Amino acid sequence: MSEAQVNRLIGAHMPTTGGLHNAITSGHEIGCTAVQLFTASPRQWRTRPLTEAEVQAFARAREETGIHTIISHDSYLINLAAPNPDILHRSREAFLEELQRAEALGIPWVVTHMGAYLDSSEEEGLRVLGESVRLLLEQTAGMKAGIALETTAGQGTNLGYRFEHLARIIDAVGGSERLGVCFDTCHVFVAGYEIRSAEALSATIDEFDRVIGLDRLKVIHVNDAKKPLGSRVDRHEHIGDGELGSETFRALLHEPRLLHIPIILETPEAEKMHPVNLQRLKALMNDS
């Protein structure tokens, strides 16, 4: 096994019950070398500011566990492509706070779904999203924390199910270095990209590189899929138990171009199954 595989950044989205720092310590306990978390409730608009004690506890947990690769995910309420002006304003304000919390905690990337155009149009949704991202990057100029646009399943009116959508937003903000991409295996597959063999995965990564650029890829979400290729239905499954199957993840874990990218589980039944899914990934990683 190569040195890159031995030092692989691999982990899960961990709960923050009892404090943000607990996501790191509980992740370490199950064998994570990277962690994703919510820095506030994902189902509320209003959030209280972080205290200095919280920031210090977070930093201590980082040092004590040796987990330095930490990603945050934004609130489920945020829609940066919303046609409703009030929702759009609240979404932009909430995401600004997401970036501010990430900066205070030393988190480099805030993952976000690209929003839904609802009763407008895909074209208009992409325009509004591009404007939202441009505005947020301007408001946070000088910060290190950046935005990672997540590939989506394309369910309903959700944007981001084509690589071209992400490229469009990157172009809209002038190619800012603080704009990255999160590649989700379930979402990409149900959106219509074949990844179920080493050859198919390689071809899809080639397409990603052609349209977006692999230098933009900052994090990978690994989830099996309950629904078939091209179904555009977002339902995560445990590793190896869904439509993707174990071979997909073995191929992904051995793809040379992806060895340096943090890998994060978002599979169901986190408390019970994250340790199981993490061990499944590690077994596939060690199986050459």
C-alpha atoms as a PDB file:
ATOM      1  CA  MET A   1       0.000   0.000   0.000  1.00  0.00           C
ATOM      2  CA  SER A   2       1.318   3.445  -0.916  1.00  0.00           C
ATOM      3  CA  GLU A   3       2.154   6.132   1.631  1.00  0.00           C
ATOM      4  CA  ALA A   4      -0.811   8.172   0.328  1.00  0.00           C
ATOM      5  CA  GLN A   5      -3.168   5.278   1.154  1.00  0.00           C
ATOM      6  CA  VAL A   6      -1.645   4.730   4.601  1.00  0.00           C
ATOM      7  CA  ASN A   7      -2.200   8.414   5.454  1.00  0.00           C
ATOM      8  CA  ARG A   8      -5.624   8.533   3.796  1.00  0.00           C
ATOM      9  CA  LEU A   9      -8.019  11.181   5.089  1.00  0.00           C
ATOM     10  CA  ILE A  10     -11.181   9.198   5.685  1.00  0.00           C
ATOM     11  CA  GLY A  11     -14.045   9.767   8.097  1.00  0.00           C
ATOM     12  CA  ALA A  12     -17.699  10.597   8.572  1.00  0.00           C
ATOM     13  CA  HIS A  13     -20.215  13.315   9.314  1.00  0.00           C
ATOM     14  CA  MET A  14     -20.287  13.212  13.111  1.00  0.00           C
ATOM     15  CA  PRO A  15     -22.874  14.507  15.628  1.00  0.00           C
ATOM     16  CA  THR A  16     -22.101  17.509  17.824  1.00  0.00           C
ATOM     17  CA  THR A  17     -24.220  16.556  20.841  1.00  0.00           C
ATOM     18  CA  GLY A  18     -22.662  18.120  23.927  1.00  0.00           C
ATOM     19  CA  GLY A  19     -20.458  20.502  21.939  1.00  0.00           C
ATOM     20  CA  LEU A  20     -18.860  20.938  18.532  1.00  0.00           C
ATOM     21  CA  HIS A  21     -15.606  19.416  19.792  1.00  0.00           C
ATOM     22  CA  ASN A  22     -17.402  16.113  20.418  1.00  0.00           C
ATOM     23  CA  ALA A  23     -17.686  15.557  16.664  1.00  0.00           C
ATOM     24  CA  ILE A  24     -13.900  15.357  16.554  1.00  0.00           C
ATOM     25  CA  THR A  25     -13.430  13.169  19.632  1.00  0.00           C
ATOM     26  CA  SER A  26     -16.218  10.749  18.710  1.00  0.00           C
ATOM     27  CA  GLY A  27     -14.876  10.601  15.148  1.00  0.00           C
ATOM     28  CA  HIS A  28     -11.440   9.735  16.495  1.00  0.00           C
ATOM     29  CA  GLU A  29     -12.943   6.971  18.639  1.00  0.00           C
ATOM     30  CA  ILE A  30     -14.355   5.166  15.585  1.00  0.00           C
ATOM     31  CA  GLY A  31     -11.173   5.574  13.520  1.00  0.00           C
ATOM     32  CA  CYS A  32     -11.764   8.766  11.523  1.00  0.00           C
ATOM     33  CA  THR A  33      -8.817  10.758  10.227  1.00  0.00           C
ATOM     34  CA  ALA A  34     -11.172  13.453   8.874  1.00  0.00           C
ATOM     35  CA  VAL A  35     -14.541  14.702  10.133  1.00  0.00           C
ATOM     36  CA  GLN A  36     -17.517  16.647   8.816  1.00  0.00           C
ATOM     37  CA  LEU A  37     -20.003  18.415  11.099  1.00  0.00           C
ATOM     38  CA  PHE A  38     -22.704  21.038  11.351  1.00  0.00           C
ATOM     39  CA  THR A  39     -21.428  24.128  13.183  1.00  0.00           C
ATOM     40  CA  ALA A  40     -25.040  24.970  14.159  1.00  0.00           C
ATOM     41  CA  SER A  41     -28.448  23.318  13.971  1.00  0.00           C
ATOM     42  CA  PRO A  42     -29.127  22.425  10.318  1.00  0.00           C
ATOM     43  CA  ARG A  43     -32.862  23.008  10.804  1.00  0.00           C
ATOM     44  CA  GLN A  44     -32.910  26.520  12.289  1.00  0.00           C
ATOM     45  CA  TRP A  45     -32.355  29.958  10.799  1.00  0.00           C
ATOM     46  CA  ARG A  46     -31.243  31.610  14.007  1.00  0.00           C
ATOM     47  CA  THR A  47     -27.914  30.661  15.536  1.00  0.00           C
ATOM     48  CA  ARG A  48     -26.061  32.062  18.520  1.00  0.00           C
ATOM     49  CA  PRO A  49     -22.471  33.234  18.142  1.00  0.00           C
ATOM     50  CA  LEU A  50     -19.683  30.827  19.046  1.00  0.00           C
ATOM     51  CA  THR A  51     -18.139  31.420  22.456  1.00  0.00           C
ATOM     52  CA  GLU A  52     -14.388  31.630  22.998  1.00  0.00           C
ATOM     53  CA  ALA A  53     -14.656  28.502  25.169  1.00  0.00           C
ATOM     54  CA  GLU A  54     -16.236  26.576  22.263  1.00  0.00           C
ATOM     55  CA  VAL A  55     -13.515  27.693  19.860  1.00  0.00           C
ATOM     56  CA  GLN A  56     -10.799  26.682  22.344  1.00  0.00           C
ATOM     57  CA  ALA A  57     -12.404  23.291  23.066  1.00  0.00           C
ATOM     58  CA  PHE A  58     -12.581  22.667  19.307  1.00  0.00           C
ATOM     59  CA  ALA A  59      -8.898  23.516  18.886  1.00  0.00           C
ATOM     60  CA  ARG A  60      -7.951  21.276  21.836  1.00  0.00           C
ATOM     61  CA  ALA A  61      -9.885  18.325  20.408  1.00  0.00           C
ATOM     62  CA  ARG A  62      -8.069  18.813  17.126  1.00  0.00           C
ATOM     63  CA  GLU A  63      -4.670  18.715  18.786  1.00  0.00           C
ATOM     64  CA  GLU A  64      -5.503  15.818  21.119  1.00  0.00           C
ATOM     65  CA  THR A  65      -6.886  13.600  18.342  1.00  0.00           C
ATOM     66  CA  GLY A  66      -4.577  14.655  15.533  1.00  0.00           C
ATOM     67  CA  ILE A  67      -7.631  15.174  13.299  1.00  0.00           C
ATOM     68  CA  HIS A  68      -6.848  18.396  11.470  1.00  0.00           C
ATOM     69  CA  THR A  69      -8.973  17.878   8.360  1.00  0.00           C
ATOM     70  CA  ILE A  70     -12.448  19.108   9.297  1.00  0.00           C
ATOM     71  CA  ILE A  71     -15.239  20.100   6.916  1.00  0.00           C
ATOM     72  CA  SER A  72     -18.548  21.773   7.779  1.00  0.00           C
ATOM     73  CA  HIS A  73     -21.909  21.414   6.040  1.00  0.00           C
ATOM     74  CA  ASP A  74     -24.406  24.254   5.873  1.00  0.00           C
ATOM     75  CA  SER A  75     -27.992  24.345   7.129  1.00  0.00           C
ATOM     76  CA  TYR A  76     -30.671  22.444   5.211  1.00  0.00           C
ATOM     77  CA  LEU A  77     -32.803  25.605   5.163  1.00  0.00           C
ATOM     78  CA  ILE A  78     -30.374  27.598   3.021  1.00  0.00           C
ATOM     79  CA  ASN A  79     -31.322  28.063  -0.637  1.00  0.00           C
ATOM     80  CA  LEU A  80     -28.880  30.379  -2.395  1.00  0.00           C
ATOM     81  CA  ALA A  81     -30.924  30.094  -5.621  1.00  0.00           C
ATOM     82  CA  ALA A  82     -34.295  30.927  -4.048  1.00  0.00           C
ATOM     83  CA  PRO A  83     -36.714  32.955  -6.231  1.00  0.00           C
ATOM     84  CA  ASN A  84     -38.406  34.362  -3.090  1.00  0.00           C
ATOM     85  CA  PRO A  85     -36.509  37.547  -2.079  1.00  0.00           C
ATOM     86  CA  ASP A  86     -37.109  37.011   1.652  1.00  0.00           C
ATOM     87  CA  ILE A  87     -35.851  33.403   1.614  1.00  0.00           C
ATOM     88  CA  LEU A  88     -32.914  34.442  -0.555  1.00  0.00           C
ATOM     89  CA  HIS A  89     -31.960  37.215   1.890  1.00  0.00           C
ATOM     90  CA  ARG A  90     -32.231  34.872   4.888  1.00  0.00           C
ATOM     91  CA  SER A  91     -30.214  32.214   3.033  1.00  0.00           C
ATOM     92  CA  ARG A  92     -27.428  34.643   2.211  1.00  0.00           C
ATOM     93  CA  GLU A  93     -27.324  35.943   5.773  1.00  0.00           C
ATOM     94  CA  ALA A  94     -27.304  32.401   7.180  1.00  0.00           C
ATOM     95  CA  PHE A  95     -24.521  31.309   4.846  1.00  0.00           C
ATOM     96  CA  LEU A  96     -22.472  34.359   5.754  1.00  0.00           C
ATOM     97  CA  GLU A  97     -22.702  33.173   9.359  1.00  0.00           C
ATOM     98  CA  GLU A  98     -21.702  29.648   8.232  1.00  0.00           C
ATOM     99  CA  LEU A  99     -18.517  31.067   6.724  1.00  0.00           C
ATOM    100  CA  GLN A 100     -17.822  33.203   9.780  1.00  0.00           C
ATOM    101  CA  ARG A 101     -18.152  30.197  12.110  1.00  0.00           C
ATOM    102  CA  ALA A 102     -15.927  28.094   9.853  1.00  0.00           C
ATOM    103  CA  GLU A 103     -13.304  30.842   9.865  1.00  0.00           C
ATOM    104  CA  ALA A 104     -13.403  31.103  13.671  1.00  0.00           C
ATOM    105  CA  LEU A 105     -12.978  27.314  13.986  1.00  0.00           C
ATOM    106  CA  GLY A 106     -10.258  26.999  11.363  1.00  0.00           C
ATOM    107  CA  ILE A 107     -12.459  24.960   8.996  1.00  0.00           C
ATOM    108  CA  PRO A 108     -11.340  25.409   5.364  1.00  0.00           C
ATOM    109  CA  TRP A 109     -14.522  24.407   3.487  1.00  0.00           C
ATOM    110  CA  VAL A 110     -18.264  24.807   4.025  1.00  0.00           C
ATOM    111  CA  VAL A 111     -20.120  22.280   1.849  1.00  0.00           C
ATOM    112  CA  THR A 112     -23.432  23.470   0.410  1.00  0.00           C
ATOM    113  CA  HIS A 113     -26.069  22.017  -1.876  1.00  0.00           C
ATOM    114  CA  MET A 114     -26.491  24.369  -4.803  1.00  0.00           C
ATOM    115  CA  GLY A 115     -30.097  25.304  -4.095  1.00  0.00           C
ATOM    116  CA  ALA A 116     -33.391  24.843  -5.908  1.00  0.00           C
ATOM    117  CA  TYR A 117     -35.015  27.134  -8.449  1.00  0.00           C
ATOM    118  CA  LEU A 118     -38.546  26.138  -7.349  1.00  0.00           C
ATOM    119  CA  ASP A 119     -41.083  28.198  -9.370  1.00  0.00           C
ATOM    120  CA  SER A 120     -38.542  30.071 -11.492  1.00  0.00           C
ATOM    121  CA  SER A 121     -36.344  28.259 -14.042  1.00  0.00           C
ATOM    122  CA  GLU A 122     -33.068  26.385 -14.073  1.00  0.00           C
ATOM    123  CA  GLU A 123     -31.422  29.236 -15.960  1.00  0.00           C
ATOM    124  CA  GLU A 124     -32.687  31.843 -13.501  1.00  0.00           C
ATOM    125  CA  GLY A 125     -31.749  29.644 -10.547  1.00  0.00           C
ATOM    126  CA  LEU A 126     -28.166  29.372 -11.773  1.00  0.00           C
ATOM    127  CA  ARG A 127     -28.014  33.144 -12.276  1.00  0.00           C
ATOM    128  CA  VAL A 128     -29.251  33.828  -8.730  1.00  0.00           C
ATOM    129  CA  LEU A 129     -26.943  31.183  -7.259  1.00  0.00           C
ATOM    130  CA  GLY A 130     -23.963  32.688  -9.052  1.00  0.00           C
ATOM    131  CA  GLU A 131     -24.858  36.105  -7.684  1.00  0.00           C
ATOM    132  CA  SER A 132     -25.254  34.695  -4.155  1.00  0.00           C
ATOM    133  CA  VAL A 133     -21.848  33.011  -4.229  1.00  0.00           C
ATOM    134  CA  ARG A 134     -20.171  36.093  -5.706  1.00  0.00           C
ATOM    135  CA  LEU A 135     -21.718  38.306  -3.007  1.00  0.00           C
ATOM    136  CA  LEU A 136     -20.713  35.940  -0.179  1.00  0.00           C
ATOM    137  CA  LEU A 137     -17.129  35.714  -1.373  1.00  0.00           C
ATOM    138  CA  GLU A 138     -16.967  39.509  -1.604  1.00  0.00           C
ATOM    139  CA  GLN A 139     -18.414  39.919   1.899  1.00  0.00           C
ATOM    140  CA  THR A 140     -15.812  37.518   3.306  1.00  0.00           C
ATOM    141  CA  ALA A 141     -12.810  38.738   1.322  1.00  0.00           C
ATOM    142  CA  GLY A 142      -9.645  37.984   3.253  1.00  0.00           C
ATOM    143  CA  MET A 143     -11.064  34.907   4.956  1.00  0.00           C
ATOM    144  CA  LYS A 144      -9.492  31.473   4.500  1.00  0.00           C
ATOM    145  CA  ALA A 145     -12.796  29.561   4.758  1.00  0.00           C
ATOM    146  CA  GLY A 146     -14.276  28.792   1.349  1.00  0.00           C
ATOM    147  CA  ILE A 147     -17.416  27.379  -0.261  1.00  0.00           C
ATOM    148  CA  ALA A 148     -17.540  23.793  -1.595  1.00  0.00           C
ATOM    149  CA  LEU A 149     -20.446  23.316  -4.008  1.00  0.00           C
ATOM    150  CA  GLU A 150     -21.828  19.786  -3.729  1.00  0.00           C
ATOM    151  CA  THR A 151     -22.821  17.716  -6.720  1.00  0.00           C
ATOM    152  CA  THR A 152     -26.520  16.864  -6.320  1.00  0.00           C
ATOM    153  CA  ALA A 153     -28.955  14.163  -7.366  1.00  0.00           C
ATOM    154  CA  GLY A 154     -31.076  16.664  -9.285  1.00  0.00           C
ATOM    155  CA  GLN A 155     -34.211  15.750  -7.362  1.00  0.00           C
ATOM    156  CA  GLY A 156     -37.113  18.136  -7.964  1.00  0.00           C
ATOM    157  CA  THR A 157     -35.767  21.547  -9.012  1.00  0.00           C
ATOM    158  CA  ASN A 158     -32.370  21.148  -7.332  1.00  0.00           C
ATOM    159  CA  LEU A 159     -29.398  22.568  -9.197  1.00  0.00           C
ATOM    160  CA  GLY A 160     -25.965  20.943  -9.386  1.00  0.00           C
ATOM    161  CA  TYR A 161     -26.758  17.603 -10.984  1.00  0.00           C
ATOM    162  CA  ARG A 162     -24.603  18.362 -14.019  1.00  0.00           C
ATOM    163  CA  PHE A 163     -20.917  19.216 -13.815  1.00  0.00           C
ATOM    164  CA  GLU A 164     -21.696  22.117 -16.138  1.00  0.00           C
ATOM    165  CA  HIS A 165     -23.803  23.726 -13.382  1.00  0.00           C
ATOM    166  CA  LEU A 166     -20.814  23.853 -11.045  1.00  0.00           C
ATOM    167  CA  ALA A 167     -18.545  25.167 -13.798  1.00  0.00           C
ATOM    168  CA  ARG A 168     -21.100  27.896 -14.487  1.00  0.00           C
ATOM    169  CA  ILE A 169     -20.953  29.119 -10.864  1.00  0.00           C
ATOM    170  CA  ILE A 170     -17.155  28.986 -10.783  1.00  0.00           C
ATOM    171  CA  ASP A 171     -17.105  31.132 -13.936  1.00  0.00           C
ATOM    172  CA  ALA A 172     -19.680  33.515 -12.448  1.00  0.00           C
ATOM    173  CA  VAL A 173     -17.339  34.386  -9.571  1.00  0.00           C
ATOM    174  CA  GLY A 174     -14.249  34.773 -11.718  1.00  0.00           C
ATOM    175  CA  GLY A 175     -12.676  31.470 -10.704  1.00  0.00           C
ATOM    176  CA  SER A 176     -12.072  32.395  -7.055  1.00  0.00           C
ATOM    177  CA  GLU A 177      -9.703  30.022  -5.240  1.00  0.00           C
ATOM    178  CA  ARG A 178     -12.181  30.012  -2.333  1.00  0.00           C
ATOM    179  CA  LEU A 179     -14.722  28.120  -4.415  1.00  0.00           C
ATOM    180  CA  GLY A 180     -14.322  24.345  -4.485  1.00  0.00           C
ATOM    181  CA  VAL A 181     -16.422  21.255  -5.199  1.00  0.00           C
ATOM    182  CA  CYS A 182     -17.673  18.312  -3.131  1.00  0.00           C
ATOM    183  CA  PHE A 183     -18.229  15.120  -5.171  1.00  0.00           C
ATOM    184  CA  ASP A 184     -20.976  12.872  -3.745  1.00  0.00           C
ATOM    185  CA  THR A 185     -20.953   9.299  -5.078  1.00  0.00           C
ATOM    186  CA  CYS A 186     -24.681   8.671  -4.585  1.00  0.00           C
ATOM    187  CA  HIS A 187     -25.675  12.020  -6.068  1.00  0.00           C
ATOM    188  CA  VAL A 188     -23.392  11.779  -9.099  1.00  0.00           C
ATOM    189  CA  PHE A 189     -24.598   8.255  -9.864  1.00  0.00           C
ATOM    190  CA  VAL A 190     -28.332   8.921  -9.603  1.00  0.00           C
ATOM    191  CA  ALA A 191     -27.783  12.128 -11.612  1.00  0.00           C
ATOM    192  CA  GLY A 192     -26.675   9.894 -14.481  1.00  0.00           C
ATOM    193  CA  TYR A 193     -22.882   9.555 -14.256  1.00  0.00           C
ATOM    194  CA  GLU A 194     -21.708   5.912 -14.385  1.00  0.00           C
ATOM    195  CA  ILE A 195     -19.051   5.094 -11.752  1.00  0.00           C
ATOM    196  CA  ARG A 196     -19.599   1.358 -11.078  1.00  0.00           C
ATOM    197  CA  SER A 197     -16.245   0.136 -12.387  1.00  0.00           C
ATOM    198  CA  ALA A 198     -12.693   1.433 -12.364  1.00  0.00           C
ATOM    199  CA  GLU A 199     -13.048   2.280 -16.066  1.00  0.00           C
ATOM    200  CA  ALA A 200     -16.400   4.055 -15.644  1.00  0.00           C
ATOM    201  CA  LEU A 201     -15.173   5.983 -12.605  1.00  0.00           C
ATOM    202  CA  SER A 202     -12.026   7.034 -14.468  1.00  0.00           C
ATOM    203  CA  ALA A 203     -14.120   8.278 -17.392  1.00  0.00           C
ATOM    204  CA  THR A 204     -16.368  10.283 -15.050  1.00  0.00           C
ATOM    205  CA  ILE A 205     -13.338  11.772 -13.295  1.00  0.00           C
ATOM    206  CA  ASP A 206     -11.982  12.676 -16.752  1.00  0.00           C
ATOM    207  CA  GLU A 207     -15.274  14.450 -17.483  1.00  0.00           C
ATOM    208  CA  PHE A 208     -15.158  16.246 -14.126  1.00  0.00           C
ATOM    209  CA  ASP A 209     -11.618  17.387 -14.895  1.00  0.00           C
ATOM    210  CA  ARG A 210     -12.583  18.559 -18.387  1.00  0.00           C
ATOM    211  CA  VAL A 211     -15.646  20.526 -17.284  1.00  0.00           C
ATOM    212  CA  ILE A 212     -14.644  21.752 -13.810  1.00  0.00           C
ATOM    213  CA  GLY A 213     -10.977  20.921 -13.176  1.00  0.00           C
ATOM    214  CA  LEU A 214      -9.724  18.408 -10.614  1.00  0.00           C
ATOM    215  CA  ASP A 215      -7.938  21.189  -8.750  1.00  0.00           C
ATOM    216  CA  ARG A 216     -11.423  22.307  -7.600  1.00  0.00           C
ATOM    217  CA  LEU A 217     -12.206  18.967  -5.914  1.00  0.00           C
ATOM    218  CA  LYS A 218     -11.858  19.482  -2.142  1.00  0.00           C
ATOM    219  CA  VAL A 219     -13.930  16.704  -0.522  1.00  0.00           C
ATOM    220  CA  ILE A 220     -15.673  13.454  -1.518  1.00  0.00           C
ATOM    221  CA  HIS A 221     -18.878  12.218   0.115  1.00  0.00           C
ATOM    222  CA  VAL A 222     -19.068   8.424  -0.072  1.00  0.00           C
ATOM    223  CA  ASN A 223     -22.596   7.026   0.012  1.00  0.00           C
ATOM    224  CA  ASP A 224     -24.084   4.000  -1.704  1.00  0.00           C
ATOM    225  CA  ALA A 225     -27.392   4.625  -3.513  1.00  0.00           C
ATOM    226  CA  LYS A 226     -30.822   3.110  -2.948  1.00  0.00           C
ATOM    227  CA  LYS A 227     -32.018   4.178  -6.416  1.00  0.00           C
ATOM    228  CA  PRO A 228     -30.694   3.338  -9.901  1.00  0.00           C
ATOM    229  CA  LEU A 229     -28.486   5.218 -12.346  1.00  0.00           C
ATOM    230  CA  GLY A 230     -30.135   8.371 -13.661  1.00  0.00           C
ATOM    231  CA  SER A 231     -33.146   8.147 -11.318  1.00  0.00           C
ATOM    232  CA  ARG A 232     -32.391  11.593  -9.813  1.00  0.00           C
ATOM    233  CA  VAL A 233     -33.695  10.361  -6.442  1.00  0.00           C
ATOM    234  CA  ASP A 234     -31.462  11.145  -3.453  1.00  0.00           C
ATOM    235  CA  ARG A 235     -31.505   8.164  -1.084  1.00  0.00           C
ATOM    236  CA  HIS A 236     -28.262   7.120   0.612  1.00  0.00           C
ATOM    237  CA  GLU A 237     -27.455   3.480   1.401  1.00  0.00           C
ATOM    238  CA  HIS A 238     -24.743   1.743   3.419  1.00  0.00           C
ATOM    239  CA  ILE A 239     -21.449   1.047   1.659  1.00  0.00           C
ATOM    240  CA  GLY A 240     -21.766  -1.994  -0.587  1.00  0.00           C
ATOM    241  CA  ASP A 241     -25.482  -2.495   0.091  1.00  0.00           C
ATOM    242  CA  GLY A 242     -26.921  -0.361  -2.706  1.00  0.00           C
ATOM    243  CA  GLU A 243     -26.914   0.117  -6.459  1.00  0.00           C
ATOM    244  CA  LEU A 244     -23.246   1.158  -6.469  1.00  0.00           C
ATOM    245  CA  GLY A 245     -21.858  -1.882  -4.659  1.00  0.00           C
ATOM    246  CA  SER A 246     -18.464  -2.464  -3.085  1.00  0.00           C
ATOM    247  CA  GLU A 247     -16.510  -2.427  -6.350  1.00  0.00           C
ATOM    248  CA  THR A 248     -17.380   1.242  -6.900  1.00  0.00           C
ATOM    249  CA  PHE A 249     -15.787   2.207  -3.603  1.00  0.00           C
ATOM    250  CA  ARG A 250     -12.779  -0.048  -4.117  1.00  0.00           C
ATOM    251  CA  ALA A 251     -12.186   1.707  -7.454  1.00  0.00           C
ATOM    252  CA  LEU A 252     -12.637   5.134  -5.898  1.00  0.00           C
ATOM    253  CA  LEU A 253     -10.264   4.379  -3.016  1.00  0.00           C
ATOM    254  CA  HIS A 254      -7.584   3.224  -5.469  1.00  0.00           C
ATOM    255  CA  GLU A 255      -8.023   5.989  -8.068  1.00  0.00           C
ATOM    256  CA  PRO A 256      -4.576   7.684  -8.037  1.00  0.00           C
ATOM    257  CA  ARG A 257      -5.959  11.152  -8.783  1.00  0.00           C
ATOM    258  CA  LEU A 258      -8.140  11.089  -5.661  1.00  0.00           C
ATOM    259  CA  LEU A 259      -5.723   9.796  -3.024  1.00  0.00           C
ATOM    260  CA  HIS A 260      -5.218  13.223  -1.418  1.00  0.00           C
ATOM    261  CA  ILE A 261      -8.917  14.163  -1.224  1.00  0.00           C
ATOM    262  CA  PRO A 262     -10.716  13.783   2.161  1.00  0.00           C
ATOM    263  CA  ILE A 263     -13.427  11.121   2.070  1.00  0.00           C
ATOM    264  CA  ILE A 264     -16.523  11.568   4.254  1.00  0.00           C
ATOM    265  CA  LEU A 265     -19.350   9.098   4.974  1.00  0.00           C
ATOM    266  CA  GLU A 266     -22.921  10.393   5.157  1.00  0.00           C
ATOM    267  CA  THR A 267     -24.653   7.024   5.302  1.00  0.00           C
ATOM    268  CA  PRO A 268     -27.845   6.368   7.339  1.00  0.00           C
ATOM    269  CA  GLU A 269     -28.066   5.309  11.009  1.00  0.00           C
ATOM    270  CA  ALA A 270     -24.918   7.231  11.884  1.00  0.00           C
ATOM    271  CA  GLU A 271     -24.460   6.135  15.503  1.00  0.00           C
ATOM    272  CA  LYS A 272     -24.820   2.435  14.774  1.00  0.00           C
ATOM    273  CA  MET A 273     -23.491   2.195  11.220  1.00  0.00           C
ATOM    274  CA  HIS A 274     -20.742   4.795  10.793  1.00  0.00           C
ATOM    275  CA  PRO A 275     -18.190   2.495  12.482  1.00  0.00           C
ATOM    276  CA  VAL A 276     -19.348  -0.383  10.248  1.00  0.00           C
ATOM    277  CA  ASN A 277     -19.237   1.644   7.030  1.00  0.00           C
ATOM    278  CA  LEU A 278     -15.866   3.115   7.970  1.00  0.00           C
ATOM    279  CA  GLN A 279     -14.428  -0.374   8.445  1.00  0.00           C
ATOM    280  CA  ARG A 280     -15.914  -1.461   5.115  1.00  0.00           C
ATOM    281  CA  LEU A 281     -14.127   1.423   3.401  1.00  0.00           C
ATOM    282  CA  LYS A 282     -10.841   0.660   5.139  1.00  0.00           C
ATOM    283  CA  ALA A 283     -11.061  -3.002   4.140  1.00  0.00           C
ATOM    284  CA  LEU A 284     -11.640  -1.984   0.511  1.00  0.00           C
ATOM    285  CA  MET A 285      -8.780   0.502   0.711  1.00  0.00           C
ATOM    286  CA  ASN A 286      -6.424  -2.209   1.995  1.00  0.00           C
ATOM    287  CA  ASP A 287      -7.630  -4.724  -0.599  1.00  0.00           C
ATOM    288  CA  SER A 288      -5.540  -4.178  -3.692  1.00  0.00           C
END
